[in-house]
mmCIF file of all heavy atoms, coordinates in Angstrom:
data_MODEL
# 
_entry.id   MODEL 
# 
loop_
_atom_site.group_PDB 
_atom_site.id 
_atom_site.type_symbol 
_atom_site.label_atom_id 
_atom_site.label_alt_id 
_atom_site.label_comp_id 
_atom_site.label_asym_id 
_atom_site.label_entity_id 
_atom_site.label_seq_id 
_atom_site.pdbx_PDB_ins_code 
_atom_site.Cartn_x 
_atom_site.Cartn_y 
_atom_site.Cartn_z 
_atom_site.occupancy 
_atom_site.B_iso_or_equiv 
_atom_site.pdbx_formal_charge 
_atom_site.auth_seq_id 
_atom_site.auth_comp_id 
_atom_site.auth_asym_id 
_atom_site.auth_atom_id 
_atom_site.pdbx_PDB_model_num 
ATOM 1   N N   . ALA A 1 1  ? 0.781   -1.106  0.017  1.00 0.00 ? 1  ALA A N   1 
ATOM 2   C CA  . ALA A 1 1  ? 0.005   0.025   -0.038 1.00 0.00 ? 1  ALA A CA  1 
ATOM 3   C C   . ALA A 1 1  ? 0.893   1.230   0.095  1.00 0.00 ? 1  ALA A C   1 
ATOM 4   O O   . ALA A 1 1  ? 1.648   1.432   0.970  1.00 0.00 ? 1  ALA A O   1 
ATOM 5   C CB  . ALA A 1 1  ? -0.976  0.019   1.251  1.00 0.00 ? 1  ALA A CB  1 
ATOM 6   N N   . ASP A 1 2  ? 0.880   2.032   -1.176 1.00 0.00 ? 2  ASP A N   1 
ATOM 7   C CA  . ASP A 1 2  ? 1.717   3.189   -1.246 1.00 0.00 ? 2  ASP A CA  1 
ATOM 8   C C   . ASP A 1 2  ? 0.934   4.406   -0.942 1.00 0.00 ? 2  ASP A C   1 
ATOM 9   O O   . ASP A 1 2  ? 0.165   4.946   -1.678 1.00 0.00 ? 2  ASP A O   1 
ATOM 10  C CB  . ASP A 1 2  ? 2.131   3.266   -2.659 1.00 0.00 ? 2  ASP A CB  1 
ATOM 11  C CG  . ASP A 1 2  ? 3.272   4.348   -2.916 1.00 0.00 ? 2  ASP A CG  1 
ATOM 12  O OD1 . ASP A 1 2  ? 3.676   4.885   -1.916 1.00 0.00 ? 2  ASP A OD1 1 
ATOM 13  O OD2 . ASP A 1 2  ? 3.593   4.566   -4.091 1.00 0.00 ? 2  ASP A OD2 1 
ATOM 14  N N   . GLU A 1 3  ? 1.141   4.959   0.298  1.00 0.00 ? 3  GLU A N   1 
ATOM 15  C CA  . GLU A 1 3  ? 0.534   6.209   0.787  1.00 0.00 ? 3  GLU A CA  1 
ATOM 16  C C   . GLU A 1 3  ? -1.048  6.118   0.573  1.00 0.00 ? 3  GLU A C   1 
ATOM 17  O O   . GLU A 1 3  ? -1.594  7.035   -0.011 1.00 0.00 ? 3  GLU A O   1 
ATOM 18  C CB  . GLU A 1 3  ? 1.017   7.446   0.033  1.00 0.00 ? 3  GLU A CB  1 
ATOM 19  C CG  . GLU A 1 3  ? 2.563   7.680   0.250  1.00 0.00 ? 3  GLU A CG  1 
ATOM 20  C CD  . GLU A 1 3  ? 2.852   8.471   1.538  1.00 0.00 ? 3  GLU A CD  1 
ATOM 21  O OE1 . GLU A 1 3  ? 1.985   8.622   2.364  1.00 0.00 ? 3  GLU A OE1 1 
ATOM 22  O OE2 . GLU A 1 3  ? 3.966   8.858   1.762  1.00 0.00 ? 3  GLU A OE2 1 
ATOM 23  N N   . PRO A 1 4  ? -1.623  5.018   1.069  1.00 0.00 ? 4  PRO A N   1 
ATOM 24  C CA  . PRO A 1 4  ? -3.175  4.820   0.809  1.00 0.00 ? 4  PRO A CA  1 
ATOM 25  C C   . PRO A 1 4  ? -4.032  5.857   1.347  1.00 0.00 ? 4  PRO A C   1 
ATOM 26  O O   . PRO A 1 4  ? -5.187  5.926   1.044  1.00 0.00 ? 4  PRO A O   1 
ATOM 27  C CB  . PRO A 1 4  ? -3.363  3.490   1.156  1.00 0.00 ? 4  PRO A CB  1 
ATOM 28  C CG  . PRO A 1 4  ? -2.463  3.160   2.433  1.00 0.00 ? 4  PRO A CG  1 
ATOM 29  C CD  . PRO A 1 4  ? -1.126  4.019   1.887  1.00 0.00 ? 4  PRO A CD  1 
ATOM 30  N N   . THR A 1 5  ? -3.496  6.594   2.384  1.00 0.00 ? 5  THR A N   1 
ATOM 31  C CA  . THR A 1 5  ? -4.403  7.497   3.148  1.00 0.00 ? 5  THR A CA  1 
ATOM 32  C C   . THR A 1 5  ? -3.996  8.912   3.151  1.00 0.00 ? 5  THR A C   1 
ATOM 33  O O   . THR A 1 5  ? -4.529  9.719   3.813  1.00 0.00 ? 5  THR A O   1 
ATOM 34  C CB  . THR A 1 5  ? -4.631  6.940   4.578  1.00 0.00 ? 5  THR A CB  1 
ATOM 35  O OG1 . THR A 1 5  ? -3.420  6.992   5.270  1.00 0.00 ? 5  THR A OG1 1 
ATOM 36  C CG2 . THR A 1 5  ? -5.205  5.591   4.643  1.00 0.00 ? 5  THR A CG2 1 
ATOM 37  N N   . SER A 1 6  ? -2.827  9.232   2.336  1.00 0.00 ? 6  SER A N   1 
ATOM 38  C CA  . SER A 1 6  ? -2.247  10.611  2.628  1.00 0.00 ? 6  SER A CA  1 
ATOM 39  C C   . SER A 1 6  ? -3.199  11.626  2.155  1.00 0.00 ? 6  SER A C   1 
ATOM 40  O O   . SER A 1 6  ? -3.079  12.815  2.710  1.00 0.00 ? 6  SER A O   1 
ATOM 41  C CB  . SER A 1 6  ? -0.944  10.701  1.744  1.00 0.00 ? 6  SER A CB  1 
ATOM 42  O OG  . SER A 1 6  ? -1.243  10.495  0.396  1.00 0.00 ? 6  SER A OG  1 
ATOM 43  N N   . ALA A 1 7  ? -4.150  11.541  1.314  1.00 0.00 ? 7  ALA A N   1 
ATOM 44  C CA  . ALA A 1 7  ? -5.002  12.577  0.888  1.00 0.00 ? 7  ALA A CA  1 
ATOM 45  C C   . ALA A 1 7  ? -6.354  12.565  1.561  1.00 0.00 ? 7  ALA A C   1 
ATOM 46  O O   . ALA A 1 7  ? -7.243  13.180  1.176  1.00 0.00 ? 7  ALA A O   1 
ATOM 47  C CB  . ALA A 1 7  ? -5.184  12.452  -0.649 1.00 0.00 ? 7  ALA A CB  1 
ATOM 48  N N   . LEU A 1 8  ? -6.497  11.656  2.572  1.00 0.00 ? 8  LEU A N   1 
ATOM 49  C CA  . LEU A 1 8  ? -7.818  11.510  3.115  1.00 0.00 ? 8  LEU A CA  1 
ATOM 50  C C   . LEU A 1 8  ? -7.971  12.264  4.512  1.00 0.00 ? 8  LEU A C   1 
ATOM 51  O O   . LEU A 1 8  ? -6.969  12.468  5.222  1.00 0.00 ? 8  LEU A O   1 
ATOM 52  C CB  . LEU A 1 8  ? -8.143  10.107  3.447  1.00 0.00 ? 8  LEU A CB  1 
ATOM 53  C CG  . LEU A 1 8  ? -8.044  9.127   2.177  1.00 0.00 ? 8  LEU A CG  1 
ATOM 54  C CD1 . LEU A 1 8  ? -8.134  7.693   2.530  1.00 0.00 ? 8  LEU A CD1 1 
ATOM 55  C CD2 . LEU A 1 8  ? -9.136  9.551   1.073  1.00 0.00 ? 8  LEU A CD2 1 
ATOM 56  N N   . ASP A 1 9  ? -9.230  12.489  4.895  1.00 0.00 ? 9  ASP A N   1 
ATOM 57  C CA  . ASP A 1 9  ? -9.444  13.012  6.238  1.00 0.00 ? 9  ASP A CA  1 
ATOM 58  C C   . ASP A 1 9  ? -9.140  12.070  7.274  1.00 0.00 ? 9  ASP A C   1 
ATOM 59  O O   . ASP A 1 9  ? -9.064  10.899  7.025  1.00 0.00 ? 9  ASP A O   1 
ATOM 60  C CB  . ASP A 1 9  ? -10.978 13.428  6.393  1.00 0.00 ? 9  ASP A CB  1 
ATOM 61  C CG  . ASP A 1 9  ? -11.489 14.415  5.199  1.00 0.00 ? 9  ASP A CG  1 
ATOM 62  O OD1 . ASP A 1 9  ? -10.727 15.330  4.938  1.00 0.00 ? 9  ASP A OD1 1 
ATOM 63  O OD2 . ASP A 1 9  ? -12.528 14.196  4.739  1.00 0.00 ? 9  ASP A OD2 1 
ATOM 64  N N   . VAL A 1 10 ? -8.895  12.700  8.442  1.00 0.00 ? 10 VAL A N   1 
ATOM 65  C CA  . VAL A 1 10 ? -8.436  11.807  9.582  1.00 0.00 ? 10 VAL A CA  1 
ATOM 66  C C   . VAL A 1 10 ? -9.381  10.728  10.005 1.00 0.00 ? 10 VAL A C   1 
ATOM 67  O O   . VAL A 1 10 ? -8.958  9.575   10.174 1.00 0.00 ? 10 VAL A O   1 
ATOM 68  C CB  . VAL A 1 10 ? -8.085  12.646  10.822 1.00 0.00 ? 10 VAL A CB  1 
ATOM 69  C CG1 . VAL A 1 10 ? -6.694  13.446  10.587 1.00 0.00 ? 10 VAL A CG1 1 
ATOM 70  C CG2 . VAL A 1 10 ? -9.197  13.586  11.209 1.00 0.00 ? 10 VAL A CG2 1 
ATOM 71  N N   . THR A 1 11 ? -10.713 11.037  9.864  1.00 0.00 ? 11 THR A N   1 
ATOM 72  C CA  . THR A 1 11 ? -11.600 9.962   10.145 1.00 0.00 ? 11 THR A CA  1 
ATOM 73  C C   . THR A 1 11 ? -11.696 8.926   9.078  1.00 0.00 ? 11 THR A C   1 
ATOM 74  O O   . THR A 1 11 ? -11.865 7.664   9.372  1.00 0.00 ? 11 THR A O   1 
ATOM 75  C CB  . THR A 1 11 ? -13.109 10.525  10.448 1.00 0.00 ? 11 THR A CB  1 
ATOM 76  O OG1 . THR A 1 11 ? -13.388 11.386  9.321  1.00 0.00 ? 11 THR A OG1 1 
ATOM 77  C CG2 . THR A 1 11 ? -13.034 11.401  11.744 1.00 0.00 ? 11 THR A CG2 1 
ATOM 78  N N   . VAL A 1 12 ? -11.653 9.304   7.785  1.00 0.00 ? 12 VAL A N   1 
ATOM 79  C CA  . VAL A 1 12 ? -11.673 8.289   6.733  1.00 0.00 ? 12 VAL A CA  1 
ATOM 80  C C   . VAL A 1 12 ? -10.355 7.624   6.804  1.00 0.00 ? 12 VAL A C   1 
ATOM 81  O O   . VAL A 1 12 ? -10.388 6.392   6.545  1.00 0.00 ? 12 VAL A O   1 
ATOM 82  C CB  . VAL A 1 12 ? -11.726 9.116   5.436  1.00 0.00 ? 12 VAL A CB  1 
ATOM 83  C CG1 . VAL A 1 12 ? -11.895 8.009   4.330  1.00 0.00 ? 12 VAL A CG1 1 
ATOM 84  C CG2 . VAL A 1 12 ? -13.104 9.898   5.419  1.00 0.00 ? 12 VAL A CG2 1 
ATOM 85  N N   . GLN A 1 13 ? -9.253  8.269   7.046  1.00 0.00 ? 13 GLN A N   1 
ATOM 86  C CA  . GLN A 1 13 ? -7.901  7.557   7.168  1.00 0.00 ? 13 GLN A CA  1 
ATOM 87  C C   . GLN A 1 13 ? -7.967  6.480   8.217  1.00 0.00 ? 13 GLN A C   1 
ATOM 88  O O   . GLN A 1 13 ? -7.523  5.370   8.027  1.00 0.00 ? 13 GLN A O   1 
ATOM 89  C CB  . GLN A 1 13 ? -6.855  8.573   7.585  1.00 0.00 ? 13 GLN A CB  1 
ATOM 90  C CG  . GLN A 1 13 ? -5.457  8.092   7.928  1.00 0.00 ? 13 GLN A CG  1 
ATOM 91  C CD  . GLN A 1 13 ? -4.481  8.941   8.349  1.00 0.00 ? 13 GLN A CD  1 
ATOM 92  O OE1 . GLN A 1 13 ? -3.720  9.488   7.542  1.00 0.00 ? 13 GLN A OE1 1 
ATOM 93  N NE2 . GLN A 1 13 ? -4.482  9.454   9.558  1.00 0.00 ? 13 GLN A NE2 1 
ATOM 94  N N   . LYS A 1 14 ? -8.576  6.794   9.438  1.00 0.00 ? 14 LYS A N   1 
ATOM 95  C CA  . LYS A 1 14 ? -8.649  5.832   10.465 1.00 0.00 ? 14 LYS A CA  1 
ATOM 96  C C   . LYS A 1 14 ? -9.666  4.577   10.087 1.00 0.00 ? 14 LYS A C   1 
ATOM 97  O O   . LYS A 1 14 ? -9.199  3.410   10.293 1.00 0.00 ? 14 LYS A O   1 
ATOM 98  C CB  . LYS A 1 14 ? -9.341  6.500   11.669 1.00 0.00 ? 14 LYS A CB  1 
ATOM 99  C CG  . LYS A 1 14 ? -9.398  5.467   12.880 1.00 0.00 ? 14 LYS A CG  1 
ATOM 100 C CD  . LYS A 1 14 ? -9.993  6.294   14.044 1.00 0.00 ? 14 LYS A CD  1 
ATOM 101 C CE  . LYS A 1 14 ? -9.990  5.309   15.319 1.00 0.00 ? 14 LYS A CE  1 
ATOM 102 N NZ  . LYS A 1 14 ? -10.765 4.085   15.161 1.00 0.00 ? 14 LYS A NZ  1 
ATOM 103 N N   . ALA A 1 15 ? -10.694 4.860   9.334  1.00 0.00 ? 15 ALA A N   1 
ATOM 104 C CA  . ALA A 1 15 ? -11.527 3.796   8.781  1.00 0.00 ? 15 ALA A CA  1 
ATOM 105 C C   . ALA A 1 15 ? -10.756 2.923   7.861  1.00 0.00 ? 15 ALA A C   1 
ATOM 106 O O   . ALA A 1 15 ? -10.827 1.634   7.979  1.00 0.00 ? 15 ALA A O   1 
ATOM 107 C CB  . ALA A 1 15 ? -12.735 4.249   8.176  1.00 0.00 ? 15 ALA A CB  1 
ATOM 108 N N   . ILE A 1 16 ? -9.926  3.439   6.909  1.00 0.00 ? 16 ILE A N   1 
ATOM 109 C CA  . ILE A 1 16 ? -9.188  2.629   6.031  1.00 0.00 ? 16 ILE A CA  1 
ATOM 110 C C   . ILE A 1 16 ? -8.111  1.839   6.732  1.00 0.00 ? 16 ILE A C   1 
ATOM 111 O O   . ILE A 1 16 ? -7.973  0.632   6.383  1.00 0.00 ? 16 ILE A O   1 
ATOM 112 C CB  . ILE A 1 16 ? -8.569  3.625   4.932  1.00 0.00 ? 16 ILE A CB  1 
ATOM 113 C CG1 . ILE A 1 16 ? -9.609  4.283   4.068  1.00 0.00 ? 16 ILE A CG1 1 
ATOM 114 C CG2 . ILE A 1 16 ? -7.542  2.775   4.016  1.00 0.00 ? 16 ILE A CG2 1 
ATOM 115 C CD1 . ILE A 1 16 ? -10.449 3.314   3.193  1.00 0.00 ? 16 ILE A CD1 1 
ATOM 116 N N   . LEU A 1 17 ? -7.490  2.387   7.530  1.00 0.00 ? 17 LEU A N   1 
ATOM 117 C CA  . LEU A 1 17 ? -6.300  1.705   8.302  1.00 0.00 ? 17 LEU A CA  1 
ATOM 118 C C   . LEU A 1 17 ? -6.924  0.623   9.181  1.00 0.00 ? 17 LEU A C   1 
ATOM 119 O O   . LEU A 1 17 ? -6.391  -0.367  9.307  1.00 0.00 ? 17 LEU A O   1 
ATOM 120 C CB  . LEU A 1 17 ? -5.450  2.655   9.059  1.00 0.00 ? 17 LEU A CB  1 
ATOM 121 C CG  . LEU A 1 17 ? -4.700  3.699   8.313  1.00 0.00 ? 17 LEU A CG  1 
ATOM 122 C CD1 . LEU A 1 17 ? -4.031  4.744   9.102  1.00 0.00 ? 17 LEU A CD1 1 
ATOM 123 C CD2 . LEU A 1 17 ? -3.663  2.980   7.432  1.00 0.00 ? 17 LEU A CD2 1 
ATOM 124 N N   . ASP A 1 18 ? -8.050  0.972   9.864  1.00 0.00 ? 18 ASP A N   1 
ATOM 125 C CA  . ASP A 1 18 ? -8.714  0.030   10.599 1.00 0.00 ? 18 ASP A CA  1 
ATOM 126 C C   . ASP A 1 18 ? -9.033  -1.296  9.793  1.00 0.00 ? 18 ASP A C   1 
ATOM 127 O O   . ASP A 1 18 ? -8.952  -2.411  10.213 1.00 0.00 ? 18 ASP A O   1 
ATOM 128 C CB  . ASP A 1 18 ? -10.024 0.433   11.237 1.00 0.00 ? 18 ASP A CB  1 
ATOM 129 C CG  . ASP A 1 18 ? -9.712  1.537   12.424 1.00 0.00 ? 18 ASP A CG  1 
ATOM 130 O OD1 . ASP A 1 18 ? -8.656  1.406   12.879 1.00 0.00 ? 18 ASP A OD1 1 
ATOM 131 O OD2 . ASP A 1 18 ? -10.707 2.157   12.890 1.00 0.00 ? 18 ASP A OD2 1 
ATOM 132 N N   . HIS A 1 19 ? -9.495  -0.943  8.514  1.00 0.00 ? 19 HIS A N   1 
ATOM 133 C CA  . HIS A 1 19 ? -9.940  -2.043  7.681  1.00 0.00 ? 19 HIS A CA  1 
ATOM 134 C C   . HIS A 1 19 ? -8.720  -2.953  7.230  1.00 0.00 ? 19 HIS A C   1 
ATOM 135 O O   . HIS A 1 19 ? -8.824  -4.198  7.152  1.00 0.00 ? 19 HIS A O   1 
ATOM 136 C CB  . HIS A 1 19 ? -10.665 -1.515  6.433  1.00 0.00 ? 19 HIS A CB  1 
ATOM 137 C CG  . HIS A 1 19 ? -11.270 -2.608  5.754  1.00 0.00 ? 19 HIS A CG  1 
ATOM 138 N ND1 . HIS A 1 19 ? -12.397 -3.389  6.158  1.00 0.00 ? 19 HIS A ND1 1 
ATOM 139 C CD2 . HIS A 1 19 ? -11.048 -3.185  4.486  1.00 0.00 ? 19 HIS A CD2 1 
ATOM 140 C CE1 . HIS A 1 19 ? -12.616 -4.252  5.225  1.00 0.00 ? 19 HIS A CE1 1 
ATOM 141 N NE2 . HIS A 1 19 ? -11.837 -4.253  4.238  1.00 0.00 ? 19 HIS A NE2 1 
ATOM 142 N N   . LEU A 1 20 ? -7.491  -2.303  6.966  1.00 0.00 ? 20 LEU A N   1 
ATOM 143 C CA  . LEU A 1 20 ? -6.388  -3.003  6.605  1.00 0.00 ? 20 LEU A CA  1 
ATOM 144 C C   . LEU A 1 20 ? -5.964  -3.884  7.608  1.00 0.00 ? 20 LEU A C   1 
ATOM 145 O O   . LEU A 1 20 ? -5.568  -4.933  7.449  1.00 0.00 ? 20 LEU A O   1 
ATOM 146 C CB  . LEU A 1 20 ? -5.250  -2.005  6.139  1.00 0.00 ? 20 LEU A CB  1 
ATOM 147 C CG  . LEU A 1 20 ? -5.457  -1.280  4.832  1.00 0.00 ? 20 LEU A CG  1 
ATOM 148 C CD1 . LEU A 1 20 ? -4.388  -0.236  4.606  1.00 0.00 ? 20 LEU A CD1 1 
ATOM 149 C CD2 . LEU A 1 20 ? -5.532  -2.287  3.634  1.00 0.00 ? 20 LEU A CD2 1 
ATOM 150 N N   . GLN A 1 21 ? -6.095  -3.340  8.921  1.00 0.00 ? 21 GLN A N   1 
ATOM 151 C CA  . GLN A 1 21 ? -5.620  -4.122  10.077 1.00 0.00 ? 21 GLN A CA  1 
ATOM 152 C C   . GLN A 1 21 ? -6.555  -5.382  10.234 1.00 0.00 ? 21 GLN A C   1 
ATOM 153 O O   . GLN A 1 21 ? -6.222  -6.483  10.617 1.00 0.00 ? 21 GLN A O   1 
ATOM 154 C CB  . GLN A 1 21 ? -5.650  -3.334  11.428 1.00 0.00 ? 21 GLN A CB  1 
ATOM 155 C CG  . GLN A 1 21 ? -4.490  -2.458  11.470 1.00 0.00 ? 21 GLN A CG  1 
ATOM 156 C CD  . GLN A 1 21 ? -4.217  -1.848  12.824 1.00 0.00 ? 21 GLN A CD  1 
ATOM 157 O OE1 . GLN A 1 21 ? -5.260  -1.206  13.384 1.00 0.00 ? 21 GLN A OE1 1 
ATOM 158 N NE2 . GLN A 1 21 ? -3.125  -2.117  13.409 1.00 0.00 ? 21 GLN A NE2 1 
ATOM 159 N N   . ARG A 1 22 ? -7.889  -5.150  9.946  1.00 0.00 ? 22 ARG A N   1 
ATOM 160 C CA  . ARG A 1 22 ? -8.802  -6.323  10.068 1.00 0.00 ? 22 ARG A CA  1 
ATOM 161 C C   . ARG A 1 22 ? -8.449  -7.375  9.087  1.00 0.00 ? 22 ARG A C   1 
ATOM 162 O O   . ARG A 1 22 ? -8.519  -8.560  9.268  1.00 0.00 ? 22 ARG A O   1 
ATOM 163 C CB  . ARG A 1 22 ? -10.318 -5.900  9.868  1.00 0.00 ? 22 ARG A CB  1 
ATOM 164 C CG  . ARG A 1 22 ? -10.985 -5.214  11.072 1.00 0.00 ? 22 ARG A CG  1 
ATOM 165 C CD  . ARG A 1 22 ? -12.384 -5.203  11.062 1.00 0.00 ? 22 ARG A CD  1 
ATOM 166 N NE  . ARG A 1 22 ? -12.805 -4.180  9.888  1.00 0.00 ? 22 ARG A NE  1 
ATOM 167 C CZ  . ARG A 1 22 ? -12.997 -2.934  10.170 1.00 0.00 ? 22 ARG A CZ  1 
ATOM 168 N NH1 . ARG A 1 22 ? -12.695 -2.438  11.399 1.00 0.00 ? 22 ARG A NH1 1 
ATOM 169 N NH2 . ARG A 1 22 ? -13.274 -2.134  9.168  1.00 0.00 ? 22 ARG A NH2 1 
ATOM 170 N N   . LEU A 1 23 ? -8.055  -7.027  7.742  1.00 0.00 ? 23 LEU A N   1 
ATOM 171 C CA  . LEU A 1 23 ? -7.688  -7.943  6.799  1.00 0.00 ? 23 LEU A CA  1 
ATOM 172 C C   . LEU A 1 23 ? -6.463  -8.735  7.223  1.00 0.00 ? 23 LEU A C   1 
ATOM 173 O O   . LEU A 1 23 ? -6.351  -9.942  7.048  1.00 0.00 ? 23 LEU A O   1 
ATOM 174 C CB  . LEU A 1 23 ? -7.379  -7.212  5.457  1.00 0.00 ? 23 LEU A CB  1 
ATOM 175 C CG  . LEU A 1 23 ? -8.576  -6.557  4.684  1.00 0.00 ? 23 LEU A CG  1 
ATOM 176 C CD1 . LEU A 1 23 ? -8.132  -5.744  3.567  1.00 0.00 ? 23 LEU A CD1 1 
ATOM 177 C CD2 . LEU A 1 23 ? -9.565  -7.558  4.332  1.00 0.00 ? 23 LEU A CD2 1 
ATOM 178 N N   . ARG A 1 24 ? -5.561  -8.057  7.872  1.00 0.00 ? 24 ARG A N   1 
ATOM 179 C CA  . ARG A 1 24 ? -4.382  -8.701  8.361  1.00 0.00 ? 24 ARG A CA  1 
ATOM 180 C C   . ARG A 1 24 ? -4.772  -9.753  9.463  1.00 0.00 ? 24 ARG A C   1 
ATOM 181 O O   . ARG A 1 24 ? -4.392  -10.848 9.498  1.00 0.00 ? 24 ARG A O   1 
ATOM 182 C CB  . ARG A 1 24 ? -3.377  -7.628  8.917  1.00 0.00 ? 24 ARG A CB  1 
ATOM 183 C CG  . ARG A 1 24 ? -2.216  -8.356  9.588  1.00 0.00 ? 24 ARG A CG  1 
ATOM 184 C CD  . ARG A 1 24 ? -1.441  -7.149  10.381 1.00 0.00 ? 24 ARG A CD  1 
ATOM 185 N NE  . ARG A 1 24 ? -2.177  -6.998  11.603 1.00 0.00 ? 24 ARG A NE  1 
ATOM 186 C CZ  . ARG A 1 24 ? -1.591  -6.092  12.592 1.00 0.00 ? 24 ARG A CZ  1 
ATOM 187 N NH1 . ARG A 1 24 ? -0.418  -5.652  12.502 1.00 0.00 ? 24 ARG A NH1 1 
ATOM 188 N NH2 . ARG A 1 24 ? -2.411  -5.896  13.599 1.00 0.00 ? 24 ARG A NH2 1 
ATOM 189 N N   . ASP A 1 25 ? -5.572  -9.130  10.432 1.00 0.00 ? 25 ASP A N   1 
ATOM 190 C CA  . ASP A 1 25 ? -5.990  -10.122 11.565 1.00 0.00 ? 25 ASP A CA  1 
ATOM 191 C C   . ASP A 1 25 ? -6.777  -11.339 11.116 1.00 0.00 ? 25 ASP A C   1 
ATOM 192 O O   . ASP A 1 25 ? -6.665  -12.394 11.610 1.00 0.00 ? 25 ASP A O   1 
ATOM 193 C CB  . ASP A 1 25 ? -6.669  -9.326  12.673 1.00 0.00 ? 25 ASP A CB  1 
ATOM 194 C CG  . ASP A 1 25 ? -5.720  -8.151  13.216 1.00 0.00 ? 25 ASP A CG  1 
ATOM 195 O OD1 . ASP A 1 25 ? -4.571  -8.296  13.108 1.00 0.00 ? 25 ASP A OD1 1 
ATOM 196 O OD2 . ASP A 1 25 ? -6.320  -7.144  13.803 1.00 0.00 ? 25 ASP A OD2 1 
# 
């Protein structure tokens, strides 16, 4: 994932990163 959240709002960034962590877990 190459800077997948750099242009996103903090709440949307958190949601995307939370989802990536769920995919990992």
